[in-house]
Amino acid sequence: MAESRLRKLLHDLDVELQKASGLEEKQRQQIAAICQEVEALLAEMGSQQDRGLKDRLEEALALFEASHPNLTLILEQLIDTLAGMGL
């Protein structure tokens, strides 16, 4: 269940990034790197995971809070889903 939720959130994040205007390339790269980490996490669900991912997600969240509320919402959902998985 959590895996399918994460995959949907990654898809939603990708869609929102496509629509988001005013993002700097560095910001887009940061979100892309986080998405790759979540995808790697999904690929390795049974192994020990990097706890730093949550920290990086929270940093990204702070960057987009005021200017991109839809990105912020999806990032918050990613954080909550990962927390629910114990990560």
PDB file of N, CA and C in Angstrom:
ATOM      1  N   MET A   1       0.824  -1.199   0.000  1.00  0.00           N
ATOM      2  CA  MET A   1       0.000   0.000   0.000  1.00  0.00           C
ATOM      3  C   MET A   1       0.864   1.258   0.000  1.00  0.00           C
ATOM      4  N   ALA A   2       1.834   1.312   0.906  1.00  0.00           N
ATOM      5  CA  ALA A   2       2.691   2.497   0.990  1.00  0.00           C
ATOM      6  C   ALA A   2       3.503   2.660  -0.298  1.00  0.00           C
ATOM      7  N   GLU A   3       3.919   1.541  -0.873  1.00  0.00           N
ATOM      8  CA  GLU A   3       4.700   1.621  -2.109  1.00  0.00           C
ATOM      9  C   GLU A   3       3.881   2.248  -3.230  1.00  0.00           C
ATOM     10  N   SER A   4       2.632   1.826  -3.387  1.00  0.00           N
ATOM     11  CA  SER A   4       1.805   2.400  -4.447  1.00  0.00           C
ATOM     12  C   SER A   4       1.514   3.873  -4.176  1.00  0.00           C
ATOM     13  N   ARG A   5       1.366   4.238  -2.908  1.00  0.00           N
ATOM     14  CA  ARG A   5       1.148   5.656  -2.555  1.00  0.00           C
ATOM     15  C   ARG A   5       2.373   6.483  -2.919  1.00  0.00           C
ATOM     16  N   LEU A   6       3.556   5.969  -2.602  1.00  0.00           N
ATOM     17  CA  LEU A   6       4.783   6.693  -2.958  1.00  0.00           C
ATOM     18  C   LEU A   6       4.904   6.859  -4.467  1.00  0.00           C
ATOM     19  N   ARG A   7       4.593   5.805  -5.200  1.00  0.00           N
ATOM     20  CA  ARG A   7       4.675   5.896  -6.667  1.00  0.00           C
ATOM     21  C   ARG A   7       3.699   6.944  -7.207  1.00  0.00           C
ATOM     22  N   LYS A   8       2.490   6.979  -6.650  1.00  0.00           N
ATOM     23  CA  LYS A   8       1.511   7.990  -7.088  1.00  0.00           C
ATOM     24  C   LYS A   8       2.003   9.389  -6.742  1.00  0.00           C
ATOM     25  N   LEU A   9       2.557   9.560  -5.540  1.00  0.00           N
ATOM     26  CA  LEU A   9       3.054  10.872  -5.149  1.00  0.00           C
ATOM     27  C   LEU A   9       4.216  11.309  -6.035  1.00  0.00           C
ATOM     28  N   LEU A  10       5.085  10.382  -6.400  1.00  0.00           N
ATOM     29  CA  LEU A  10       6.177  10.722  -7.322  1.00  0.00           C
ATOM     30  C   LEU A  10       5.621  11.167  -8.668  1.00  0.00           C
ATOM     31  N   HIS A  11       4.599  10.474  -9.130  1.00  0.00           N
ATOM     32  CA  HIS A  11       3.960  10.867 -10.391  1.00  0.00           C
ATOM     33  C   HIS A  11       3.339  12.264 -10.257  1.00  0.00           C
ATOM     34  N   ASP A  12       2.612  12.487  -9.166  1.00  0.00           N
ATOM     35  CA  ASP A  12       1.985  13.798  -8.943  1.00  0.00           C
ATOM     36  C   ASP A  12       3.040  14.907  -8.875  1.00  0.00           C
ATOM     37  N   LEU A  13       4.139  14.611  -8.216  1.00  0.00           N
ATOM     38  CA  LEU A  13       5.220  15.589  -8.111  1.00  0.00           C
ATOM     39  C   LEU A  13       5.791  15.911  -9.485  1.00  0.00           C
ATOM     40  N   ASP A  14       5.985  14.897 -10.311  1.00  0.00           N
ATOM     41  CA  ASP A  14       6.494  15.100 -11.664  1.00  0.00           C
ATOM     42  C   ASP A  14       5.535  15.963 -12.482  1.00  0.00           C
ATOM     43  N   VAL A  15       4.256  15.684 -12.391  1.00  0.00           N
ATOM     44  CA  VAL A  15       3.246  16.474 -13.109  1.00  0.00           C
ATOM     45  C   VAL A  15       3.287  17.926 -12.642  1.00  0.00           C
ATOM     46  N   GLU A  16       3.351  18.118 -11.338  1.00  0.00           N
ATOM     47  CA  GLU A  16       3.369  19.477 -10.795  1.00  0.00           C
ATOM     48  C   GLU A  16       4.634  20.225 -11.201  1.00  0.00           C
ATOM     49  N   LEU A  17       5.763  19.525 -11.226  1.00  0.00           N
ATOM     50  CA  LEU A  17       7.012  20.156 -11.664  1.00  0.00           C
ATOM     51  C   LEU A  17       6.922  20.611 -13.114  1.00  0.00           C
ATOM     52  N   GLN A  18       6.260  19.837 -13.934  1.00  0.00           N
ATOM     53  CA  GLN A  18       6.092  20.204 -15.341  1.00  0.00           C
ATOM     54  C   GLN A  18       5.301  21.512 -15.476  1.00  0.00           C
ATOM     55  N   LYS A  19       4.349  21.708 -14.568  1.00  0.00           N
ATOM     56  CA  LYS A  19       3.497  22.900 -14.621  1.00  0.00           C
ATOM     57  C   LYS A  19       4.100  24.096 -13.905  1.00  0.00           C
ATOM     58  N   ALA A  20       5.012  23.860 -12.978  1.00  0.00           N
ATOM     59  CA  ALA A  20       5.542  24.927 -12.127  1.00  0.00           C
ATOM     60  C   ALA A  20       6.385  25.904 -12.921  1.00  0.00           C
ATOM     61  N   SER A  21       6.036  27.154 -12.821  1.00  0.00           N
ATOM     62  CA  SER A  21       6.838  28.183 -13.473  1.00  0.00           C
ATOM     63  C   SER A  21       7.626  28.927 -12.400  1.00  0.00           C
ATOM     64  N   GLY A  22       8.707  29.518 -12.789  1.00  0.00           N
ATOM     65  CA  GLY A  22       9.486  30.313 -11.864  1.00  0.00           C
ATOM     66  C   GLY A  22      10.459  29.519 -11.015  1.00  0.00           C
ATOM     67  N   LEU A  23      10.600  28.235 -11.285  1.00  0.00           N
ATOM     68  CA  LEU A  23      11.579  27.444 -10.545  1.00  0.00           C
ATOM     69  C   LEU A  23      12.949  27.606 -11.183  1.00  0.00           C
ATOM     70  N   GLU A  24      13.948  27.761 -10.357  1.00  0.00           N
ATOM     71  CA  GLU A  24      15.314  27.803 -10.868  1.00  0.00           C
ATOM     72  C   GLU A  24      15.753  26.379 -11.195  1.00  0.00           C
ATOM     73  N   GLU A  25      16.729  26.266 -12.087  1.00  0.00           N
ATOM     74  CA  GLU A  25      17.223  24.946 -12.481  1.00  0.00           C
ATOM     75  C   GLU A  25      17.745  24.175 -11.266  1.00  0.00           C
ATOM     76  N   LYS A  26      18.389  24.872 -10.342  1.00  0.00           N
ATOM     77  CA  LYS A  26      18.908  24.227  -9.135  1.00  0.00           C
ATOM     78  C   LYS A  26      17.774  23.611  -8.322  1.00  0.00           C
ATOM     79  N   GLN A  27      16.654  24.313  -8.244  1.00  0.00           N
ATOM     80  CA  GLN A  27      15.503  23.798  -7.510  1.00  0.00           C
ATOM     81  C   GLN A  27      14.936  22.555  -8.194  1.00  0.00           C
ATOM     82  N   ARG A  28      14.833  22.601  -9.511  1.00  0.00           N
ATOM     83  CA  ARG A  28      14.347  21.438 -10.261  1.00  0.00           C
ATOM     84  C   ARG A  28      15.274  20.242 -10.055  1.00  0.00           C
ATOM     85  N   GLN A  29      16.569  20.497 -10.060  1.00  0.00           N
ATOM     86  CA  GLN A  29      17.540  19.420  -9.869  1.00  0.00           C
ATOM     87  C   GLN A  29      17.433  18.831  -8.469  1.00  0.00           C
ATOM     88  N   GLN A  30      17.178  19.686  -7.476  1.00  0.00           N
ATOM     89  CA  GLN A  30      17.035  19.210  -6.107  1.00  0.00           C
ATOM     90  C   GLN A  30      15.850  18.260  -5.993  1.00  0.00           C
ATOM     91  N   ILE A  31      14.720  18.646  -6.565  1.00  0.00           N
ATOM     92  CA  ILE A  31      13.534  17.787  -6.526  1.00  0.00           C
ATOM     93  C   ILE A  31      13.779  16.504  -7.315  1.00  0.00           C
ATOM     94  N   ALA A  32      14.439  16.605  -8.465  1.00  0.00           N
ATOM     95  CA  ALA A  32      14.739  15.413  -9.269  1.00  0.00           C
ATOM     96  C   ALA A  32      15.622  14.445  -8.486  1.00  0.00           C
ATOM     97  N   ALA A  33      16.591  14.973  -7.755  1.00  0.00           N
ATOM     98  CA  ALA A  33      17.477  14.122  -6.952  1.00  0.00           C
ATOM     99  C   ALA A  33      16.687  13.422  -5.848  1.00  0.00           C
ATOM    100  N   ILE A  34      15.767  14.137  -5.222  1.00  0.00           N
ATOM    101  CA  ILE A  34      14.937  13.539  -4.179  1.00  0.00           C
ATOM    102  C   ILE A  34      14.067  12.434  -4.778  1.00  0.00           C
ATOM    103  N   CYS A  35      13.501  12.685  -5.946  1.00  0.00           N
ATOM    104  CA  CYS A  35      12.671  11.673  -6.608  1.00  0.00           C
ATOM    105  C   CYS A  35      13.486  10.417  -6.899  1.00  0.00           C
ATOM    106  N   GLN A  36      14.713  10.594  -7.347  1.00  0.00           N
ATOM    107  CA  GLN A  36      15.575   9.449  -7.620  1.00  0.00           C
ATOM    108  C   GLN A  36      15.855   8.668  -6.336  1.00  0.00           C
ATOM    109  N   GLU A  37      16.044   9.375  -5.234  1.00  0.00           N
ATOM    110  CA  GLU A  37      16.281   8.700  -3.959  1.00  0.00           C
ATOM    111  C   GLU A  37      15.052   7.906  -3.520  1.00  0.00           C
ATOM    112  N   VAL A  38      13.871   8.483  -3.695  1.00  0.00           N
ATOM    113  CA  VAL A  38      12.651   7.772  -3.324  1.00  0.00           C
ATOM    114  C   VAL A  38      12.477   6.546  -4.220  1.00  0.00           C
ATOM    115  N   GLU A  39      12.762   6.687  -5.512  1.00  0.00           N
ATOM    116  CA  GLU A  39      12.675   5.544  -6.421  1.00  0.00           C
ATOM    117  C   GLU A  39      13.676   4.461  -6.020  1.00  0.00           C
ATOM    118  N   ALA A  40      14.882   4.850  -5.625  1.00  0.00           N
ATOM    119  CA  ALA A  40      15.870   3.873  -5.161  1.00  0.00           C
ATOM    120  C   ALA A  40      15.384   3.201  -3.884  1.00  0.00           C
ATOM    121  N   LEU A  41      14.764   3.977  -3.006  1.00  0.00           N
ATOM    122  CA  LEU A  41      14.205   3.434  -1.775  1.00  0.00           C
ATOM    123  C   LEU A  41      13.149   2.382  -2.095  1.00  0.00           C
ATOM    124  N   LEU A  42      12.306   2.676  -3.060  1.00  0.00           N
ATOM    125  CA  LEU A  42      11.278   1.722  -3.455  1.00  0.00           C
ATOM    126  C   LEU A  42      11.901   0.442  -3.999  1.00  0.00           C
ATOM    127  N   ALA A  43      12.995   0.576  -4.720  1.00  0.00           N
ATOM    128  CA  ALA A  43      13.667  -0.584  -5.303  1.00  0.00           C
ATOM    129  C   ALA A  43      14.321  -1.450  -4.231  1.00  0.00           C
ATOM    130  N   GLU A  44      14.636  -0.852  -3.094  1.00  0.00           N
ATOM    131  CA  GLU A  44      15.343  -1.563  -2.023  1.00  0.00           C
ATOM    132  C   GLU A  44      14.508  -1.675  -0.758  1.00  0.00           C
ATOM    133  N   MET A  45      13.218  -1.790  -0.882  1.00  0.00           N
ATOM    134  CA  MET A  45      12.310  -1.723   0.261  1.00  0.00           C
ATOM    135  C   MET A  45      12.728  -2.584   1.453  1.00  0.00           C
ATOM    136  N   GLY A  46      13.346  -3.698   1.247  1.00  0.00           N
ATOM    137  CA  GLY A  46      13.671  -4.578   2.354  1.00  0.00           C
ATOM    138  C   GLY A  46      14.982  -4.262   3.048  1.00  0.00           C
ATOM    139  N   SER A  47      15.796  -3.386   2.499  1.00  0.00           N
ATOM    140  CA  SER A  47      17.110  -3.142   3.092  1.00  0.00           C
ATOM    141  C   SER A  47      17.109  -1.906   3.985  1.00  0.00           C
ATOM    142  N   GLN A  48      18.209  -1.699   4.694  1.00  0.00           N
ATOM    143  CA  GLN A  48      18.369  -0.506   5.552  1.00  0.00           C
ATOM    144  C   GLN A  48      18.362   0.745   4.682  1.00  0.00           C
ATOM    145  N   GLN A  49      17.629   1.769   5.071  1.00  0.00           N
ATOM    146  CA  GLN A  49      17.479   2.968   4.246  1.00  0.00           C
ATOM    147  C   GLN A  49      18.202   4.159   4.856  1.00  0.00           C
ATOM    148  N   ASP A  50      18.495   5.115   4.019  1.00  0.00           N
ATOM    149  CA  ASP A  50      19.162   6.357   4.405  1.00  0.00           C
ATOM    150  C   ASP A  50      18.181   7.287   5.109  1.00  0.00           C
ATOM    151  N   ARG A  51      18.435   7.597   6.367  1.00  0.00           N
ATOM    152  CA  ARG A  51      17.561   8.489   7.121  1.00  0.00           C
ATOM    153  C   ARG A  51      17.708   9.934   6.662  1.00  0.00           C
ATOM    154  N   GLY A  52      18.749  10.261   5.912  1.00  0.00           N
ATOM    155  CA  GLY A  52      18.957  11.620   5.447  1.00  0.00           C
ATOM    156  C   GLY A  52      17.943  12.061   4.414  1.00  0.00           C
ATOM    157  N   LEU A  53      17.248  11.128   3.799  1.00  0.00           N
ATOM    158  CA  LEU A  53      16.249  11.473   2.788  1.00  0.00           C
ATOM    159  C   LEU A  53      15.169  12.366   3.388  1.00  0.00           C
ATOM    160  N   LYS A  54      14.694  12.039   4.573  1.00  0.00           N
ATOM    161  CA  LYS A  54      13.659  12.856   5.209  1.00  0.00           C
ATOM    162  C   LYS A  54      14.159  14.275   5.414  1.00  0.00           C
ATOM    163  N   ASP A  55      15.404  14.418   5.851  1.00  0.00           N
ATOM    164  CA  ASP A  55      15.980  15.756   6.048  1.00  0.00           C
ATOM    165  C   ASP A  55      16.005  16.543   4.740  1.00  0.00           C
ATOM    166  N   ARG A  56      16.402  15.887   3.661  1.00  0.00           N
ATOM    167  CA  ARG A  56      16.460  16.573   2.360  1.00  0.00           C
ATOM    168  C   ARG A  56      15.061  16.938   1.864  1.00  0.00           C
ATOM    169  N   LEU A  57      14.091  16.081   2.118  1.00  0.00           N
ATOM    170  CA  LEU A  57      12.712  16.401   1.751  1.00  0.00           C
ATOM    171  C   LEU A  57      12.225  17.620   2.528  1.00  0.00           C
ATOM    172  N   GLU A  58      12.544  17.677   3.809  1.00  0.00           N
ATOM    173  CA  GLU A  58      12.115  18.816   4.623  1.00  0.00           C
ATOM    174  C   GLU A  58      12.796  20.111   4.184  1.00  0.00           C
ATOM    175  N   GLU A  59      14.048  20.028   3.769  1.00  0.00           N
ATOM    176  CA  GLU A  59      14.741  21.212   3.239  1.00  0.00           C
ATOM    177  C   GLU A  59      14.058  21.700   1.966  1.00  0.00           C
ATOM    178  N   ALA A  60      13.726  20.763   1.081  1.00  0.00           N
ATOM    179  CA  ALA A  60      13.049  21.133  -0.159  1.00  0.00           C
ATOM    180  C   ALA A  60      11.686  21.748   0.152  1.00  0.00           C
ATOM    181  N   LEU A  61      11.018  21.202   1.127  1.00  0.00           N
ATOM    182  CA  LEU A  61       9.719  21.719   1.531  1.00  0.00           C
ATOM    183  C   LEU A  61       9.819  23.193   1.920  1.00  0.00           C
ATOM    184  N   ALA A  62      10.823  23.527   2.675  1.00  0.00           N
ATOM    185  CA  ALA A  62      11.011  24.912   3.113  1.00  0.00           C
ATOM    186  C   ALA A  62      11.258  25.843   1.934  1.00  0.00           C
ATOM    187  N   LEU A  63      11.941  25.359   0.912  1.00  0.00           N
ATOM    188  CA  LEU A  63      12.232  26.185  -0.263  1.00  0.00           C
ATOM    189  C   LEU A  63      10.978  26.574  -1.041  1.00  0.00           C
ATOM    190  N   PHE A  64      10.007  25.674  -1.086  1.00  0.00           N
ATOM    191  CA  PHE A  64       8.849  25.870  -1.957  1.00  0.00           C
ATOM    192  C   PHE A  64       7.586  26.300  -1.233  1.00  0.00           C
ATOM    193  N   GLU A  65       7.630  26.379   0.087  1.00  0.00           N
ATOM    194  CA  GLU A  65       6.427  26.638   0.865  1.00  0.00           C
ATOM    195  C   GLU A  65       5.638  27.854   0.397  1.00  0.00           C
ATOM    196  N   ALA A  66       6.283  28.966   0.253  1.00  0.00           N
ATOM    197  CA  ALA A  66       5.573  30.203  -0.076  1.00  0.00           C
ATOM    198  C   ALA A  66       5.238  30.322  -1.558  1.00  0.00           C
ATOM    199  N   SER A  67       6.162  29.905  -2.405  1.00  0.00           N
ATOM    200  CA  SER A  67       5.995  30.175  -3.829  1.00  0.00           C
ATOM    201  C   SER A  67       5.290  29.076  -4.616  1.00  0.00           C
ATOM    202  N   HIS A  68       5.318  27.844  -4.135  1.00  0.00           N
ATOM    203  CA  HIS A  68       4.737  26.728  -4.891  1.00  0.00           C
ATOM    204  C   HIS A  68       3.958  25.804  -3.938  1.00  0.00           C
ATOM    205  N   PRO A  69       2.746  26.204  -3.566  1.00  0.00           N
ATOM    206  CA  PRO A  69       1.981  25.434  -2.583  1.00  0.00           C
ATOM    207  C   PRO A  69       1.659  24.006  -3.023  1.00  0.00           C
ATOM    208  N   ASN A  70       1.461  23.771  -4.313  1.00  0.00           N
ATOM    209  CA  ASN A  70       1.150  22.411  -4.767  1.00  0.00           C
ATOM    210  C   ASN A  70       2.362  21.496  -4.613  1.00  0.00           C
ATOM    211  N   LEU A  71       3.551  21.992  -4.928  1.00  0.00           N
ATOM    212  CA  LEU A  71       4.766  21.209  -4.707  1.00  0.00           C
ATOM    213  C   LEU A  71       4.933  20.918  -3.218  1.00  0.00           C
ATOM    214  N   THR A  72       4.673  21.928  -2.404  1.00  0.00           N
ATOM    215  CA  THR A  72       4.788  21.771  -0.957  1.00  0.00           C
ATOM    216  C   THR A  72       3.856  20.676  -0.450  1.00  0.00           C
ATOM    217  N   LEU A  73       2.638  20.686  -0.921  1.00  0.00           N
ATOM    218  CA  LEU A  73       1.658  19.687  -0.490  1.00  0.00           C
ATOM    219  C   LEU A  73       2.131  18.278  -0.833  1.00  0.00           C
ATOM    220  N   ILE A  74       2.623  18.083  -2.039  1.00  0.00           N
ATOM    221  CA  ILE A  74       3.073  16.750  -2.444  1.00  0.00           C
ATOM    222  C   ILE A  74       4.297  16.333  -1.641  1.00  0.00           C
ATOM    223  N   LEU A  75       5.223  17.258  -1.413  1.00  0.00           N
ATOM    224  CA  LEU A  75       6.398  16.939  -0.596  1.00  0.00           C
ATOM    225  C   LEU A  75       5.985  16.553   0.826  1.00  0.00           C
ATOM    226  N   GLU A  76       5.015  17.265   1.387  1.00  0.00           N
ATOM    227  CA  GLU A  76       4.519  16.926   2.725  1.00  0.00           C
ATOM    228  C   GLU A  76       3.934  15.519   2.741  1.00  0.00           C
ATOM    229  N   GLN A  77       3.211  15.164   1.693  1.00  0.00           N
ATOM    230  CA  GLN A  77       2.626  13.833   1.613  1.00  0.00           C
ATOM    231  C   GLN A  77       3.707  12.763   1.488  1.00  0.00           C
ATOM    232  N   LEU A  78       4.771  13.061   0.745  1.00  0.00           N
ATOM    233  CA  LEU A  78       5.897  12.135   0.657  1.00  0.00           C
ATOM    234  C   LEU A  78       6.524  11.921   2.027  1.00  0.00           C
ATOM    235  N   ILE A  79       6.749  13.012   2.755  1.00  0.00           N
ATOM    236  CA  ILE A  79       7.334  12.923   4.090  1.00  0.00           C
ATOM    237  C   ILE A  79       6.443  12.084   5.003  1.00  0.00           C
ATOM    238  N   ASP A  80       5.138  12.347   4.985  1.00  0.00           N
ATOM    239  CA  ASP A  80       4.207  11.611   5.836  1.00  0.00           C
ATOM    240  C   ASP A  80       4.163  10.132   5.478  1.00  0.00           C
ATOM    241  N   THR A  81       4.182   9.823   4.195  1.00  0.00           N
ATOM    242  CA  THR A  81       4.148   8.423   3.761  1.00  0.00           C
ATOM    243  C   THR A  81       5.408   7.705   4.177  1.00  0.00           C
ATOM    244  N   LEU A  82       6.557   8.343   4.006  1.00  0.00           N
ATOM    245  CA  LEU A  82       7.819   7.729   4.431  1.00  0.00           C
ATOM    246  C   LEU A  82       7.848   7.545   5.950  1.00  0.00           C
ATOM    247  N   ALA A  83       7.326   8.509   6.683  1.00  0.00           N
ATOM    248  CA  ALA A  83       7.274   8.394   8.144  1.00  0.00           C
ATOM    249  C   ALA A  83       6.371   7.230   8.552  1.00  0.00           C
ATOM    250  N   GLY A  84       5.276   7.071   7.839  1.00  0.00           N
ATOM    251  CA  GLY A  84       4.372   5.957   8.111  1.00  0.00           C
ATOM    252  C   GLY A  84       5.008   4.603   7.847  1.00  0.00           C
ATOM    253  N   MET A  85       6.014   4.605   6.998  1.00  0.00           N
ATOM    254  CA  MET A  85       6.745   3.371   6.683  1.00  0.00           C
ATOM    255  C   MET A  85       7.900   3.152   7.665  1.00  0.00           C
ATOM    256  N   GLY A  86       8.073   4.089   8.588  1.00  0.00           N
ATOM    257  CA  GLY A  86       9.147   3.977   9.553  1.00  0.00           C
ATOM    258  C   GLY A  86      10.489   4.465   9.025  1.00  0.00           C
ATOM    259  N   LEU A  87      10.468   5.249   7.968  1.00  0.00           N
ATOM    260  CA  LEU A  87      11.705   5.760   7.377  1.00  0.00           C
ATOM    261  C   LEU A  87      11.883   7.225   7.669  1.00  0.00           C
TER     262      LEU A  87
END
